């Protein structure tokens, strides 16, 4: 089954490429999140200081943080960067699907005389669709998740179904913690903004004007929500857990 081994090797390479590209996107999102939070906070504190000399010490770093965040977003979080990761994922999943169909002799692969040629053709189709990934191709760090020999029904369940249920369940659990903390942070920031607004109205403007803190806290809360949306934590948690449940129902 040389052709099946070739499929498995290429799927492992595409899978590793997906992992690397996704890791880069995640790091870039967290970096932009941190820079946006830091820049907005420094800008708000600078706006409340009465002395222009002291204000400059905070205004410049704030501007630099926000500028870097904009640069990183444009370079590392562009539509093309996201498309690359999606293309690698599609190639990996396409090869995995064909490999399991071949290993179980399902569908068009039920004919022993044609199955090798069909699998080779499927590999060629995927390779052509993924040509733009050549610059970003990573070497496989393991054998991948494709079968390398024929499978019966029990073997398919163990290699494909059970593995997918674990993958989606574990992925949802990993996303749940950051999602929970970000929602809590947004709630606290929004609450603090309401409290500071009331305090600012009561005490008026003193040596340090706290009124601008209302704006920055509102901005920070919006930044947290924007990060949640960009990372799609909540959507993925719901999707992953629903998929795991549907797969479990097939057993």
Protein backbone atom coordinates (compact mmCIF):
# COMPACT_ATOMS: atom_id res chain seq x y z
CA UNK A 1 0.00 0.00 0.00
CA UNK A 2 2.66 2.46 -1.06
CA UNK A 3 0.11 4.98 -2.29
CA UNK A 4 -1.69 4.89 1.08
CA UNK A 5 1.60 5.53 2.87
CA UNK A 6 2.22 8.47 0.56
CA UNK A 7 -1.21 9.89 1.37
CA UNK A 8 -0.56 9.45 5.09
CA UNK A 9 2.84 11.16 4.85
CA UNK A 10 1.45 14.14 2.98
CA UNK A 11 -1.49 14.44 5.36
CA UNK A 12 0.93 14.53 8.29
CA UNK A 13 2.85 17.35 6.60
CA UNK A 14 -0.31 19.33 5.90
CA UNK A 15 -1.49 18.76 9.46
CA UNK A 16 1.78 20.11 10.88
CA UNK A 17 1.54 23.08 8.52
CA UNK A 18 -1.94 23.78 9.88
CA UNK A 19 -0.66 23.66 13.45
CA UNK A 20 2.19 26.08 12.74
CA UNK A 21 0.03 28.55 10.81
CA UNK A 22 -2.69 28.46 13.47
CA UNK A 23 -0.12 29.01 16.22
CA UNK A 24 1.18 32.08 14.40
CA UNK A 25 -2.31 33.50 14.06
CA UNK A 26 -3.07 32.85 17.74
CA UNK A 27 0.16 34.52 18.89
CA UNK A 28 -0.49 37.52 16.64
CA UNK A 29 -4.04 37.91 17.98
CA UNK A 30 -2.86 37.79 21.60
CA UNK A 31 -0.04 40.24 20.85
CA UNK A 32 -2.45 42.71 19.26
CA UNK A 33 -4.82 42.22 22.17
CA UNK A 34 -2.11 42.99 24.73
CA UNK A 35 -0.79 45.99 22.77
CA UNK A 36 -4.28 47.41 22.34
CA UNK A 37 -5.02 47.04 26.05
CA UNK A 38 -1.68 48.57 27.05
CA UNK A 39 -1.85 51.43 24.56
CA UNK A 40 -5.40 52.41 25.49
CA UNK A 41 -4.61 52.30 29.21
CA UNK A 42 -1.51 54.47 28.91
CA UNK A 43 -3.34 56.95 26.67
CA UNK A 44 -6.15 57.29 29.20
CA UNK A 45 -3.78 57.81 32.13
CA UNK A 46 -1.80 60.35 30.12
CA UNK A 47 -5.01 62.23 29.33
CA UNK A 48 -5.80 62.56 33.01
CA UNK A 49 -2.41 63.96 34.07
CA UNK A 50 -2.27 67.72 34.71
CA UNK A 51 1.38 68.12 33.69
CA UNK A 52 2.21 68.08 29.97
CA UNK A 53 5.76 66.91 30.64
CA UNK A 54 4.61 63.81 32.48
CA UNK A 55 1.87 63.24 29.93
CA UNK A 56 4.43 62.90 27.11
CA UNK A 57 6.19 60.03 28.89
CA UNK A 58 3.01 57.99 28.61
CA UNK A 59 1.61 59.31 25.34
CA UNK A 60 4.57 58.18 23.25
CA UNK A 61 4.58 54.56 24.47
CA UNK A 62 0.81 54.46 24.05
CA UNK A 63 1.07 55.64 20.45
CA UNK A 64 3.85 53.14 19.74
CA UNK A 65 1.83 50.22 21.15
CA UNK A 66 -1.23 51.08 19.09
CA UNK A 67 0.89 51.56 15.96
CA UNK A 68 2.57 48.17 16.41
CA UNK A 69 -0.83 46.55 16.95
CA UNK A 70 -2.05 48.03 13.67
CA UNK A 71 1.10 46.85 11.88
CA UNK A 72 0.82 43.29 13.24
CA UNK A 73 -2.85 43.13 12.32
CA UNK A 74 -2.14 44.17 8.74
CA UNK A 75 0.83 41.84 8.26
CA UNK A 76 0.09 38.75 10.34
CA UNK A 77 -3.70 38.74 10.62
CA UNK A 78 -4.58 39.60 7.05
CA UNK A 79 -7.17 37.75 5.00
CA UNK A 80 -4.37 36.00 3.11
CA UNK A 81 -2.83 34.69 6.34
CA UNK A 82 -6.15 33.23 7.46
CA UNK A 83 -6.77 31.78 3.98
CA UNK A 84 -3.45 29.92 4.08
CA UNK A 85 -4.39 28.17 7.30
CA UNK A 86 -7.82 27.26 5.94
CA UNK A 87 -6.29 25.93 2.71
CA UNK A 88 -3.86 23.73 4.65
CA UNK A 89 -6.70 22.42 6.83
CA UNK A 90 -8.81 21.60 3.76
CA UNK A 91 -5.92 19.70 2.16
CA UNK A 92 -5.26 17.74 5.35
CA UNK A 93 -8.91 16.78 5.83
CA UNK A 94 -9.36 15.91 2.14
CA UNK A 95 -6.45 13.46 2.25
CA UNK A 96 -7.68 11.96 5.51
CA UNK A 97 -11.13 11.39 4.02
CA UNK A 98 -9.72 9.64 0.95
CA UNK A 99 -7.34 7.54 3.04
CA UNK A 100 -10.13 6.20 5.25
CA UNK A 101 -12.34 5.47 2.24
CA UNK A 102 -9.47 3.54 0.66
CA UNK A 103 -8.57 1.70 3.86
CA UNK A 104 -12.16 0.52 4.32
CA UNK A 105 -12.69 -0.20 0.60
CA UNK A 106 -15.74 2.05 0.62
CA UNK A 107 -17.48 3.68 -2.32
CA UNK A 108 -15.37 3.96 -5.46
CA UNK A 109 -12.49 2.25 -3.66
CA UNK A 110 -14.33 -1.06 -3.49
CA UNK A 111 -12.87 -2.13 -6.86
CA UNK A 112 -9.37 -3.59 -6.21
CA UNK A 113 -8.34 -3.01 -9.82
CA UNK A 114 -9.00 0.75 -9.73
CA UNK A 115 -8.55 1.83 -6.11
CA UNK A 116 -4.80 2.61 -6.28
CA UNK A 117 -5.24 4.77 -9.37
CA UNK A 118 -8.22 6.57 -7.81
CA UNK A 119 -6.28 7.34 -4.65
CA UNK A 120 -3.30 8.60 -6.65
CA UNK A 121 -5.64 10.85 -8.64
CA UNK A 122 -7.18 12.19 -5.41
CA UNK A 123 -3.72 13.00 -4.09
CA UNK A 124 -2.87 14.83 -7.32
CA UNK A 125 -6.07 16.89 -7.06
CA UNK A 126 -5.31 17.92 -3.48
CA UNK A 127 -1.70 18.76 -4.34
CA UNK A 128 -2.85 21.09 -7.13
CA UNK A 129 -5.34 22.85 -4.86
CA UNK A 130 -2.62 23.38 -2.24
CA UNK A 131 0.17 24.63 -4.50
CA UNK A 132 0.25 28.03 -2.82
CA UNK A 133 1.29 26.41 0.46
CA UNK A 134 4.70 25.35 -0.81
CA UNK A 135 6.47 28.28 0.84
CA UNK A 136 4.93 27.48 4.22
CA UNK A 137 5.13 23.67 4.12
CA UNK A 138 6.30 22.12 7.39
CA UNK A 139 7.91 18.73 7.93
CA UNK A 140 5.79 16.14 9.71
CA UNK A 141 6.63 15.55 13.35
CA UNK A 142 4.80 12.22 13.50
CA UNK A 143 2.97 9.66 11.39
CA UNK A 144 -0.21 11.72 11.20
CA UNK A 145 -3.73 10.44 11.72
CA UNK A 146 -4.31 8.59 8.45
CA UNK A 147 -4.54 4.79 8.28
CA UNK A 148 -1.66 2.96 6.64
CA UNK A 149 -3.37 -0.42 6.27
CA UNK A 150 -6.83 -1.87 5.63
CA UNK A 151 -9.45 -1.36 8.34
CA UNK A 152 -12.54 -3.30 9.34
CA UNK A 153 -15.57 -1.68 11.00
CA UNK A 154 -14.09 -1.90 14.50
CA UNK A 155 -10.76 -0.55 13.30
CA UNK A 156 -12.50 2.35 11.58
CA UNK A 157 -14.41 3.26 14.74
CA UNK A 158 -11.23 3.26 16.80
CA UNK A 159 -9.06 5.12 14.29
CA UNK A 160 -11.57 7.57 12.91
CA UNK A 161 -14.69 7.96 15.01
CA UNK A 162 -13.20 7.68 18.50
CA UNK A 163 -10.25 9.89 17.57
CA UNK A 164 -12.55 12.60 16.19
CA UNK A 165 -14.75 12.55 19.29
CA UNK A 166 -11.68 13.00 21.50
CA UNK A 167 -10.31 15.75 19.26
CA UNK A 168 -13.47 17.86 19.28
CA UNK A 169 -14.09 17.30 22.98
CA UNK A 170 -10.53 18.23 23.96
CA UNK A 171 -10.50 21.24 21.62
CA UNK A 172 -13.68 22.60 23.19
CA UNK A 173 -12.24 22.14 26.69
CA UNK A 174 -9.05 24.02 25.75
CA UNK A 175 -11.05 26.98 24.43
CA UNK A 176 -13.43 27.09 27.39
CA UNK A 177 -10.90 28.53 29.87
CA UNK A 178 -9.75 31.59 27.86
CA UNK A 179 -13.34 32.20 26.81
CA UNK A 180 -14.51 32.18 30.43
CA UNK A 181 -11.75 34.56 31.58
CA UNK A 182 -12.31 36.99 28.72
CA UNK A 183 -16.04 37.14 29.40
CA UNK A 184 -15.31 37.83 33.06
CA UNK A 185 -12.81 40.55 32.15
CA UNK A 186 -15.35 42.25 29.87
CA UNK A 187 -17.99 42.13 32.62
CA UNK A 188 -15.62 43.65 35.21
CA UNK A 189 -14.41 46.38 32.85
CA UNK A 190 -17.94 47.36 31.89
CA UNK A 191 -18.92 47.46 35.57
CA UNK A 192 -15.91 49.60 36.50
CA UNK A 193 -16.75 52.02 33.71
CA UNK A 194 -20.23 52.49 35.16
CA UNK A 195 -18.87 53.00 38.68
CA UNK A 196 -16.18 55.49 37.60
CA UNK A 197 -18.73 57.46 35.61
CA UNK A 198 -20.83 57.88 38.73
CA UNK A 199 -17.79 58.81 40.85
CA UNK A 200 -16.53 61.33 38.30
CA UNK A 201 -19.90 63.09 38.27
CA UNK A 202 -19.92 63.22 42.09
CA UNK A 203 -16.37 64.45 42.82
CA UNK A 204 -15.74 66.54 39.72
CA UNK A 205 -12.31 67.24 38.24
CA UNK A 206 -9.41 67.32 40.70
CA UNK A 207 -5.64 67.02 40.28
CA UNK A 208 -6.21 63.85 38.29
CA UNK A 209 -9.24 63.77 36.03
CA UNK A 210 -10.75 60.30 36.33
CA UNK A 211 -13.45 60.94 33.75
CA UNK A 212 -11.26 59.78 30.82
CA UNK A 213 -10.94 56.40 32.56
CA UNK A 214 -14.58 55.77 31.69
CA UNK A 215 -13.76 55.98 28.01
CA UNK A 216 -10.72 53.75 28.28
CA UNK A 217 -12.54 51.10 30.31
CA UNK A 218 -15.31 51.07 27.72
CA UNK A 219 -12.68 50.77 25.02
CA UNK A 220 -10.95 47.94 26.87
CA UNK A 221 -14.22 46.06 27.26
CA UNK A 222 -14.85 46.45 23.53
CA UNK A 223 -11.31 45.23 22.83
CA UNK A 224 -11.93 42.11 24.88
CA UNK A 225 -15.13 41.40 22.95
CA UNK A 226 -13.35 42.02 19.66
CA UNK A 227 -10.67 39.51 20.61
CA UNK A 228 -13.35 36.97 21.54
CA UNK A 229 -14.96 37.45 18.14
CA UNK A 230 -11.68 37.31 16.20
CA UNK A 231 -10.56 34.12 17.93
CA UNK A 232 -14.10 32.67 17.65
CA UNK A 233 -13.84 31.01 21.05
CA UNK A 234 -17.57 30.81 21.74
CA UNK A 235 -18.55 29.73 18.23
CA UNK A 236 -15.91 27.01 18.15
CA UNK A 237 -16.81 25.70 21.61
CA UNK A 238 -20.46 25.30 20.59
CA UNK A 239 -19.53 23.78 17.22
CA UNK A 240 -16.92 21.37 18.60
CA UNK A 241 -19.14 20.07 21.39
CA UNK A 242 -22.11 19.65 19.05
CA UNK A 243 -19.93 17.75 16.58
CA UNK A 244 -18.55 15.50 19.32
CA UNK A 245 -22.09 14.71 20.46
CA UNK A 246 -23.28 13.90 16.95
CA UNK A 247 -20.31 11.61 16.37
CA UNK A 248 -20.89 9.86 19.69
CA UNK A 249 -24.47 9.20 18.65
CA UNK A 250 -23.20 7.28 15.63
CA UNK A 251 -21.48 4.68 17.80
